[in-house]
Amino acid sequence: AGTYYGGRKPEDGTIDWSKSAIAIHNLVRAVAPPYPGAFTVVAGRQARVLRTRVLDTGTALSGGPSMTVENGAIVARCGGGGALAILTLEVDGAPVSASEFAATHGAIGVPLGG
């Protein structure tokens, strides 16, 4: 007797920023193109995170998850611990570089919902 599994749904790619950097990195890899990618909201705008790299697996944050530019790269500090380099980010369907992100959001971190 076979078993059945329902198809992948877009909400399967929603990022829960309260998780660890490793868990989020694995989600991004699992739903990367040709799937729709991992989804989040950055400063009230729809965003897709398409490629990441784990920078560290440190302890959980006390101030909540955030995204900022550090040393020329977009970095997400994850609520469950650690940090990710965001290698490919699209906001409202357009690719965003680290310099564009910094110009739009400045040096302060953009809070990320969980």
C-alpha atoms as a PDB file:
ATOM      1  CA  ALA A   1       0.000   0.000   0.000  1.00  0.00           C
ATOM      2  CA  GLY A   2       1.365   3.385  -0.975  1.00  0.00           C
ATOM      3  CA  THR A   3       1.261   6.560   1.001  1.00  0.00           C
ATOM      4  CA  TYR A   4       0.509  10.038  -0.220  1.00  0.00           C
ATOM      5  CA  TYR A   5       1.985  13.389   0.642  1.00  0.00           C
ATOM      6  CA  GLY A   6       0.304  16.647  -0.274  1.00  0.00           C
ATOM      7  CA  GLY A   7       2.110  18.959  -2.647  1.00  0.00           C
ATOM      8  CA  ARG A   8       4.344  21.780  -1.528  1.00  0.00           C
ATOM      9  CA  LYS A   9       2.470  25.010  -0.756  1.00  0.00           C
ATOM     10  CA  PRO A  10       3.898  28.549  -0.904  1.00  0.00           C
ATOM     11  CA  GLU A  11       3.470  28.974   2.868  1.00  0.00           C
ATOM     12  CA  ASP A  12       5.922  26.090   3.348  1.00  0.00           C
ATOM     13  CA  GLY A  13       8.632  28.621   2.450  1.00  0.00           C
ATOM     14  CA  THR A  14       7.743  31.237   5.093  1.00  0.00           C
ATOM     15  CA  ILE A  15      10.798  32.031   7.234  1.00  0.00           C
ATOM     16  CA  ASP A  16      10.362  31.823  11.001  1.00  0.00           C
ATOM     17  CA  TRP A  17      13.120  34.146  12.208  1.00  0.00           C
ATOM     18  CA  SER A  18      12.826  32.809  15.764  1.00  0.00           C
ATOM     19  CA  LYS A  19      14.624  29.649  14.579  1.00  0.00           C
ATOM     20  CA  SER A  20      18.386  29.115  14.420  1.00  0.00           C
ATOM     21  CA  ALA A  21      20.604  30.202  11.534  1.00  0.00           C
ATOM     22  CA  ILE A  22      21.134  26.556  10.554  1.00  0.00           C
ATOM     23  CA  ALA A  23      17.386  25.805  10.466  1.00  0.00           C
ATOM     24  CA  ILE A  24      16.685  28.895   8.349  1.00  0.00           C
ATOM     25  CA  HIS A  25      19.599  28.135   6.016  1.00  0.00           C
ATOM     26  CA  ASN A  26      18.253  24.606   5.507  1.00  0.00           C
ATOM     27  CA  LEU A  27      14.761  25.982   4.763  1.00  0.00           C
ATOM     28  CA  VAL A  28      16.194  28.397   2.172  1.00  0.00           C
ATOM     29  CA  ARG A  29      18.073  25.515   0.515  1.00  0.00           C
ATOM     30  CA  ALA A  30      14.977  23.273   0.544  1.00  0.00           C
ATOM     31  CA  VAL A  31      12.706  25.790  -1.184  1.00  0.00           C
ATOM     32  CA  ALA A  32      15.283  27.404  -3.496  1.00  0.00           C
ATOM     33  CA  PRO A  33      14.504  27.701  -7.213  1.00  0.00           C
ATOM     34  CA  PRO A  34      12.960  25.969  -9.070  1.00  0.00           C
ATOM     35  CA  TYR A  35      10.636  26.165  -6.038  1.00  0.00           C
ATOM     36  CA  PRO A  36       9.277  29.611  -5.115  1.00  0.00           C
ATOM     37  CA  GLY A  37      11.981  30.375  -2.521  1.00  0.00           C
ATOM     38  CA  ALA A  38      11.840  31.364   1.142  1.00  0.00           C
ATOM     39  CA  PHE A  39       9.562  34.297   1.967  1.00  0.00           C
ATOM     40  CA  THR A  40       9.683  37.031   4.578  1.00  0.00           C
ATOM     41  CA  VAL A  41       8.753  40.676   5.094  1.00  0.00           C
ATOM     42  CA  VAL A  42      11.489  43.311   5.245  1.00  0.00           C
ATOM     43  CA  ALA A  43      10.387  46.773   6.403  1.00  0.00           C
ATOM     44  CA  GLY A  44       6.798  46.028   5.367  1.00  0.00           C
ATOM     45  CA  ARG A  45       7.731  44.791   1.882  1.00  0.00           C
ATOM     46  CA  GLN A  46       7.527  41.247   0.506  1.00  0.00           C
ATOM     47  CA  ALA A  47      10.946  39.633   0.121  1.00  0.00           C
ATOM     48  CA  ARG A  48      12.392  36.337  -1.072  1.00  0.00           C
ATOM     49  CA  VAL A  49      15.607  34.951   0.373  1.00  0.00           C
ATOM     50  CA  LEU A  50      17.076  32.704  -2.314  1.00  0.00           C
ATOM     51  CA  ARG A  51      20.634  31.957  -1.115  1.00  0.00           C
ATOM     52  CA  THR A  52      22.298  32.099   2.294  1.00  0.00           C
ATOM     53  CA  ARG A  53      25.486  31.065   4.070  1.00  0.00           C
ATOM     54  CA  VAL A  54      25.764  30.369   7.792  1.00  0.00           C
ATOM     55  CA  LEU A  55      28.196  32.857   9.360  1.00  0.00           C
ATOM     56  CA  ASP A  56      27.975  31.660  12.943  1.00  0.00           C
ATOM     57  CA  THR A  57      25.810  29.520  15.193  1.00  0.00           C
ATOM     58  CA  GLY A  58      26.011  31.683  18.333  1.00  0.00           C
ATOM     59  CA  THR A  59      23.556  31.996  21.164  1.00  0.00           C
ATOM     60  CA  ALA A  60      19.990  33.272  20.849  1.00  0.00           C
ATOM     61  CA  LEU A  61      19.419  37.019  20.561  1.00  0.00           C
ATOM     62  CA  SER A  62      17.904  39.059  23.350  1.00  0.00           C
ATOM     63  CA  GLY A  63      16.834  41.928  21.076  1.00  0.00           C
ATOM     64  CA  GLY A  64      15.053  39.899  18.421  1.00  0.00           C
ATOM     65  CA  PRO A  65      16.016  38.982  14.864  1.00  0.00           C
ATOM     66  CA  SER A  66      17.163  41.702  12.477  1.00  0.00           C
ATOM     67  CA  MET A  67      18.719  42.274   9.060  1.00  0.00           C
ATOM     68  CA  THR A  68      21.484  44.785   8.421  1.00  0.00           C
ATOM     69  CA  VAL A  69      24.600  45.320   6.309  1.00  0.00           C
ATOM     70  CA  GLU A  70      27.908  44.321   7.882  1.00  0.00           C
ATOM     71  CA  ASN A  71      31.252  44.444   6.093  1.00  0.00           C
ATOM     72  CA  GLY A  72      29.566  44.868   2.719  1.00  0.00           C
ATOM     73  CA  ALA A  73      27.157  41.939   3.089  1.00  0.00           C
ATOM     74  CA  ILE A  74      23.502  41.655   4.090  1.00  0.00           C
ATOM     75  CA  VAL A  75      23.428  39.796   7.409  1.00  0.00           C
ATOM     76  CA  ALA A  76      20.437  38.362   9.258  1.00  0.00           C
ATOM     77  CA  ARG A  77      20.761  37.811  13.006  1.00  0.00           C
ATOM     78  CA  CYS A  78      18.442  34.921  13.851  1.00  0.00           C
ATOM     79  CA  GLY A  79      16.311  34.730  16.996  1.00  0.00           C
ATOM     80  CA  GLY A  80      17.232  31.109  17.688  1.00  0.00           C
ATOM     81  CA  GLY A  81      20.930  31.862  17.484  1.00  0.00           C
ATOM     82  CA  GLY A  82      23.524  32.565  14.842  1.00  0.00           C
ATOM     83  CA  ALA A  83      23.770  34.733  11.768  1.00  0.00           C
ATOM     84  CA  LEU A  84      23.292  34.272   8.036  1.00  0.00           C
ATOM     85  CA  ALA A  85      24.866  36.051   5.104  1.00  0.00           C
ATOM     86  CA  ILE A  86      22.013  36.744   2.694  1.00  0.00           C
ATOM     87  CA  LEU A  87      23.652  36.073  -0.665  1.00  0.00           C
ATOM     88  CA  THR A  88      20.576  36.585  -2.855  1.00  0.00           C
ATOM     89  CA  LEU A  89      17.672  38.773  -1.752  1.00  0.00           C
ATOM     90  CA  GLU A  90      14.710  40.018  -3.781  1.00  0.00           C
ATOM     91  CA  VAL A  91      12.390  42.722  -2.441  1.00  0.00           C
ATOM     92  CA  ASP A  92       9.111  43.254  -4.300  1.00  0.00           C
ATOM     93  CA  GLY A  93      10.484  41.015  -7.070  1.00  0.00           C
ATOM     94  CA  ALA A  94      13.694  42.969  -7.699  1.00  0.00           C
ATOM     95  CA  PRO A  95      17.202  41.854  -6.672  1.00  0.00           C
ATOM     96  CA  VAL A  96      18.695  43.936  -3.847  1.00  0.00           C
ATOM     97  CA  SER A  97      22.445  44.306  -3.299  1.00  0.00           C
ATOM     98  CA  ALA A  98      24.056  45.053   0.044  1.00  0.00           C
ATOM     99  CA  SER A  99      24.779  48.643  -1.005  1.00  0.00           C
ATOM    100  CA  GLU A 100      21.142  49.179  -2.073  1.00  0.00           C
ATOM    101  CA  PHE A 101      19.933  47.670   1.208  1.00  0.00           C
ATOM    102  CA  ALA A 102      22.265  49.965   3.193  1.00  0.00           C
ATOM    103  CA  ALA A 103      21.154  53.017   1.197  1.00  0.00           C
ATOM    104  CA  THR A 104      17.504  52.224   1.874  1.00  0.00           C
ATOM    105  CA  HIS A 105      17.719  51.147   5.512  1.00  0.00           C
ATOM    106  CA  GLY A 106      20.873  52.818   6.806  1.00  0.00           C
ATOM    107  CA  ALA A 107      23.082  51.370   9.511  1.00  0.00           C
ATOM    108  CA  ILE A 108      20.258  50.386  11.835  1.00  0.00           C
ATOM    109  CA  GLY A 109      18.996  46.835  11.746  1.00  0.00           C
ATOM    110  CA  VAL A 110      15.602  46.133  10.187  1.00  0.00           C
ATOM    111  CA  PRO A 111      13.558  44.044  12.634  1.00  0.00           C
ATOM    112  CA  LEU A 112      12.372  40.708  11.258  1.00  0.00           C
ATOM    113  CA  GLY A 113       9.063  39.157  12.289  1.00  0.00           C
ATOM    114  CA  GLY A 114       8.917  35.669  13.614  1.00  0.00           C
END
